[in-house]
Amino acid sequence: MPDQDDKRVPDTESKRILDRVNRESAAGGMSVVERAKGHFSARDADAGDTVEIWGTRIGRFLGLIALIAMFIWLLSSIFGRA
């Protein structure tokens, strides 16, 4: 009987781990586009503070522009555009 109890422990442990992985990998049922919309519209900012909302939106938009500019700079330096 003790052998059976030892065998059940890893099974329950693996089920617990798989359940946790499934919970963490699920993004709340949101698609990538919906998550990006929420990110750039500052849904995570304090809804009562309009300055924080607009500051977050502007900062994230400027960050996106900087990322695109760096990507263009990287491609131009790789392909040797003069």
N, C-alpha and C. Protein backbone atom coordinates (compact mmCIF):
# COMPACT_ATOMS: atom_id res chain seq x y z
N MET A 1 0.78 -1.21 0.00
CA MET A 1 0.00 0.00 0.00
C MET A 1 0.83 1.28 0.00
N PRO A 2 1.94 1.34 0.75
CA PRO A 2 2.73 2.56 0.71
C PRO A 2 3.27 2.86 -0.68
N ASP A 3 3.51 1.83 -1.50
CA ASP A 3 3.99 2.06 -2.86
C ASP A 3 2.95 2.80 -3.69
N GLN A 4 1.68 2.48 -3.46
CA GLN A 4 0.62 3.15 -4.21
C GLN A 4 0.51 4.62 -3.81
N ASP A 5 0.68 4.91 -2.54
CA ASP A 5 0.63 6.31 -2.09
C ASP A 5 1.78 7.11 -2.70
N ASP A 6 2.96 6.52 -2.80
CA ASP A 6 4.10 7.20 -3.42
C ASP A 6 3.85 7.45 -4.89
N LYS A 7 3.11 6.55 -5.53
CA LYS A 7 2.83 6.71 -6.95
C LYS A 7 1.79 7.80 -7.19
N ARG A 8 0.87 7.96 -6.26
CA ARG A 8 -0.19 8.97 -6.41
C ARG A 8 0.34 10.39 -6.22
N VAL A 9 1.33 10.56 -5.38
CA VAL A 9 1.86 11.89 -5.10
C VAL A 9 2.41 12.56 -6.36
N PRO A 10 3.26 11.89 -7.15
CA PRO A 10 3.72 12.55 -8.38
C PRO A 10 2.59 12.82 -9.37
N ASP A 11 1.58 11.94 -9.41
CA ASP A 11 0.45 12.18 -10.31
C ASP A 11 -0.31 13.44 -9.92
N THR A 12 -0.58 13.61 -8.65
CA THR A 12 -1.29 14.81 -8.22
C THR A 12 -0.41 16.04 -8.38
N GLU A 13 0.88 15.89 -8.16
CA GLU A 13 1.81 17.00 -8.34
C GLU A 13 1.85 17.43 -9.80
N SER A 14 1.90 16.47 -10.71
CA SER A 14 1.94 16.82 -12.14
C SER A 14 0.62 17.44 -12.58
N LYS A 15 -0.50 16.97 -12.06
CA LYS A 15 -1.79 17.58 -12.40
C LYS A 15 -1.85 19.01 -11.90
N ARG A 16 -1.34 19.24 -10.68
CA ARG A 16 -1.33 20.59 -10.13
C ARG A 16 -0.47 21.52 -10.99
N ILE A 17 0.67 21.02 -11.43
CA ILE A 17 1.56 21.82 -12.27
C ILE A 17 0.92 22.12 -13.61
N LEU A 18 0.30 21.14 -14.23
CA LEU A 18 -0.36 21.35 -15.52
C LEU A 18 -1.53 22.33 -15.40
N ASP A 19 -2.29 22.24 -14.32
CA ASP A 19 -3.38 23.19 -14.12
C ASP A 19 -2.85 24.61 -13.97
N ARG A 20 -1.75 24.75 -13.24
CA ARG A 20 -1.17 26.08 -13.07
C ARG A 20 -0.66 26.64 -14.39
N VAL A 21 -0.01 25.81 -15.19
CA VAL A 21 0.49 26.25 -16.49
C VAL A 21 -0.67 26.68 -17.38
N ASN A 22 -1.76 25.93 -17.37
CA ASN A 22 -2.93 26.30 -18.19
C ASN A 22 -3.53 27.61 -17.73
N ARG A 23 -3.60 27.83 -16.42
CA ARG A 23 -4.15 29.10 -15.92
C ARG A 23 -3.26 30.27 -16.30
N GLU A 24 -1.95 30.10 -16.17
CA GLU A 24 -1.03 31.21 -16.44
C GLU A 24 -0.88 31.49 -17.92
N SER A 25 -1.03 30.47 -18.77
CA SER A 25 -0.85 30.69 -20.19
C SER A 25 -2.10 31.29 -20.82
N ALA A 26 -3.25 31.09 -20.22
CA ALA A 26 -4.47 31.68 -20.74
C ALA A 26 -4.47 33.17 -20.40
N ALA A 27 -4.61 33.99 -21.41
CA ALA A 27 -4.55 35.44 -21.22
C ALA A 27 -5.93 36.00 -20.91
N GLY A 28 -6.71 35.27 -20.17
CA GLY A 28 -8.05 35.76 -19.84
C GLY A 28 -8.98 35.70 -21.04
N GLY A 29 -8.66 34.91 -22.03
CA GLY A 29 -9.51 34.79 -23.21
C GLY A 29 -9.41 35.97 -24.16
N MET A 30 -8.40 36.79 -23.99
CA MET A 30 -8.26 37.96 -24.85
C MET A 30 -7.28 37.67 -25.98
N SER A 31 -7.59 38.20 -27.15
CA SER A 31 -6.67 38.05 -28.27
C SER A 31 -5.54 39.06 -28.14
N VAL A 32 -4.56 38.92 -28.99
CA VAL A 32 -3.42 39.83 -28.96
C VAL A 32 -3.85 41.25 -29.30
N VAL A 33 -4.77 41.38 -30.24
CA VAL A 33 -5.24 42.71 -30.64
C VAL A 33 -5.99 43.38 -29.48
N GLU A 34 -6.83 42.61 -28.79
CA GLU A 34 -7.56 43.18 -27.66
C GLU A 34 -6.62 43.59 -26.54
N ARG A 35 -5.58 42.78 -26.29
CA ARG A 35 -4.61 43.13 -25.26
C ARG A 35 -3.83 44.37 -25.65
N ALA A 36 -3.49 44.51 -26.93
CA ALA A 36 -2.76 45.70 -27.38
C ALA A 36 -3.64 46.94 -27.27
N LYS A 37 -4.93 46.81 -27.62
CA LYS A 37 -5.85 47.94 -27.47
C LYS A 37 -5.94 48.38 -26.02
N GLY A 38 -6.03 47.42 -25.13
CA GLY A 38 -6.10 47.74 -23.71
C GLY A 38 -4.82 48.39 -23.21
N HIS A 39 -3.70 47.94 -23.74
CA HIS A 39 -2.41 48.51 -23.33
C HIS A 39 -2.28 49.95 -23.78
N PHE A 40 -2.59 50.21 -25.04
CA PHE A 40 -2.41 51.56 -25.57
C PHE A 40 -3.52 52.52 -25.16
N SER A 41 -4.67 52.00 -24.72
CA SER A 41 -5.72 52.90 -24.24
C SER A 41 -5.61 53.11 -22.73
N ALA A 42 -4.59 52.55 -22.11
CA ALA A 42 -4.27 52.74 -20.68
C ALA A 42 -5.40 52.26 -19.78
N ARG A 43 -5.91 51.07 -20.05
CA ARG A 43 -6.97 50.52 -19.20
C ARG A 43 -6.48 50.22 -17.79
N ASP A 44 -5.16 50.02 -17.64
CA ASP A 44 -4.63 49.69 -16.32
C ASP A 44 -4.33 50.93 -15.48
N ALA A 45 -4.50 52.12 -16.05
CA ALA A 45 -4.26 53.36 -15.30
C ALA A 45 -5.49 53.68 -14.44
N ASP A 46 -5.29 54.55 -13.47
CA ASP A 46 -6.38 54.96 -12.58
C ASP A 46 -7.44 55.70 -13.39
N ALA A 47 -8.66 55.17 -13.39
CA ALA A 47 -9.74 55.74 -14.21
C ALA A 47 -10.16 57.12 -13.73
N GLY A 48 -9.92 57.45 -12.48
CA GLY A 48 -10.33 58.76 -11.97
C GLY A 48 -9.33 59.87 -12.26
N ASP A 49 -8.15 59.53 -12.71
CA ASP A 49 -7.09 60.52 -12.92
C ASP A 49 -6.85 60.67 -14.42
N THR A 50 -7.41 61.69 -15.03
CA THR A 50 -7.29 61.87 -16.48
C THR A 50 -5.87 62.19 -16.90
N VAL A 51 -5.13 62.89 -16.03
CA VAL A 51 -3.73 63.21 -16.37
C VAL A 51 -2.91 61.93 -16.46
N GLU A 52 -3.14 60.99 -15.53
CA GLU A 52 -2.41 59.73 -15.57
C GLU A 52 -2.79 58.92 -16.82
N ILE A 53 -4.05 58.92 -17.17
CA ILE A 53 -4.50 58.18 -18.35
C ILE A 53 -3.83 58.74 -19.60
N TRP A 54 -3.90 60.06 -19.78
CA TRP A 54 -3.32 60.65 -20.99
C TRP A 54 -1.79 60.57 -20.98
N GLY A 55 -1.18 60.70 -19.83
CA GLY A 55 0.27 60.55 -19.74
C GLY A 55 0.71 59.14 -20.11
N THR A 56 -0.05 58.14 -19.65
CA THR A 56 0.27 56.75 -19.99
C THR A 56 0.09 56.50 -21.47
N ARG A 57 -1.00 57.02 -22.04
CA ARG A 57 -1.24 56.85 -23.48
C ARG A 57 -0.13 57.49 -24.31
N ILE A 58 0.24 58.72 -23.97
CA ILE A 58 1.28 59.43 -24.71
C ILE A 58 2.62 58.71 -24.57
N GLY A 59 2.95 58.29 -23.35
CA GLY A 59 4.22 57.60 -23.13
C GLY A 59 4.31 56.29 -23.90
N ARG A 60 3.24 55.54 -23.93
CA ARG A 60 3.25 54.27 -24.65
C ARG A 60 3.31 54.49 -26.16
N PHE A 61 2.63 55.53 -26.64
CA PHE A 61 2.69 55.85 -28.07
C PHE A 61 4.09 56.29 -28.47
N LEU A 62 4.73 57.12 -27.65
CA LEU A 62 6.09 57.55 -27.94
C LEU A 62 7.06 56.37 -27.87
N GLY A 63 6.82 55.46 -26.97
CA GLY A 63 7.64 54.26 -26.89
C GLY A 63 7.52 53.41 -28.14
N LEU A 64 6.31 53.30 -28.68
CA LEU A 64 6.10 52.56 -29.93
C LEU A 64 6.82 53.24 -31.09
N ILE A 65 6.75 54.56 -31.15
CA ILE A 65 7.44 55.30 -32.21
C ILE A 65 8.95 55.10 -32.09
N ALA A 66 9.48 55.14 -30.87
CA ALA A 66 10.92 54.92 -30.66
C ALA A 66 11.32 53.51 -31.08
N LEU A 67 10.48 52.52 -30.78
CA LEU A 67 10.76 51.15 -31.18
C LEU A 67 10.80 51.01 -32.70
N ILE A 68 9.85 51.62 -33.38
CA ILE A 68 9.82 51.57 -34.84
C ILE A 68 11.04 52.27 -35.43
N ALA A 69 11.42 53.43 -34.86
CA ALA A 69 12.60 54.16 -35.34
C ALA A 69 13.87 53.33 -35.15
N MET A 70 14.00 52.66 -34.01
CA MET A 70 15.19 51.83 -33.79
C MET A 70 15.21 50.63 -34.72
N PHE A 71 14.04 50.08 -35.02
CA PHE A 71 13.97 48.95 -35.95
C PHE A 71 14.38 49.38 -37.36
N ILE A 72 13.93 50.55 -37.79
CA ILE A 72 14.32 51.08 -39.10
C ILE A 72 15.82 51.37 -39.12
N TRP A 73 16.35 51.95 -38.04
CA TRP A 73 17.78 52.23 -37.95
C TRP A 73 18.59 50.93 -38.02
N LEU A 74 18.12 49.89 -37.33
CA LEU A 74 18.80 48.60 -37.35
C LEU A 74 18.81 48.01 -38.76
N LEU A 75 17.67 48.04 -39.43
CA LEU A 75 17.61 47.48 -40.78
C LEU A 75 18.47 48.28 -41.75
N SER A 76 18.50 49.60 -41.60
CA SER A 76 19.33 50.41 -42.51
C SER A 76 20.80 50.17 -42.25
N SER A 77 21.19 49.91 -41.00
CA SER A 77 22.60 49.64 -40.73
C SER A 77 22.99 48.24 -41.18
N ILE A 78 22.08 47.31 -41.15
CA ILE A 78 22.39 45.95 -41.60
C ILE A 78 22.52 45.90 -43.12
N PHE A 79 21.59 46.51 -43.81
CA PHE A 79 21.58 46.43 -45.27
C PHE A 79 22.40 47.52 -45.92
N GLY A 80 23.02 48.39 -45.15
CA GLY A 80 23.97 49.36 -45.67
C GLY A 80 23.37 50.45 -46.53
N ARG A 81 22.21 50.90 -46.20
CA ARG A 81 21.61 52.00 -46.95
C ARG A 81 22.39 53.27 -46.66
N ALA A 82 22.85 53.91 -47.69
CA ALA A 82 23.72 55.08 -47.51
C ALA A 82 22.99 56.34 -47.34
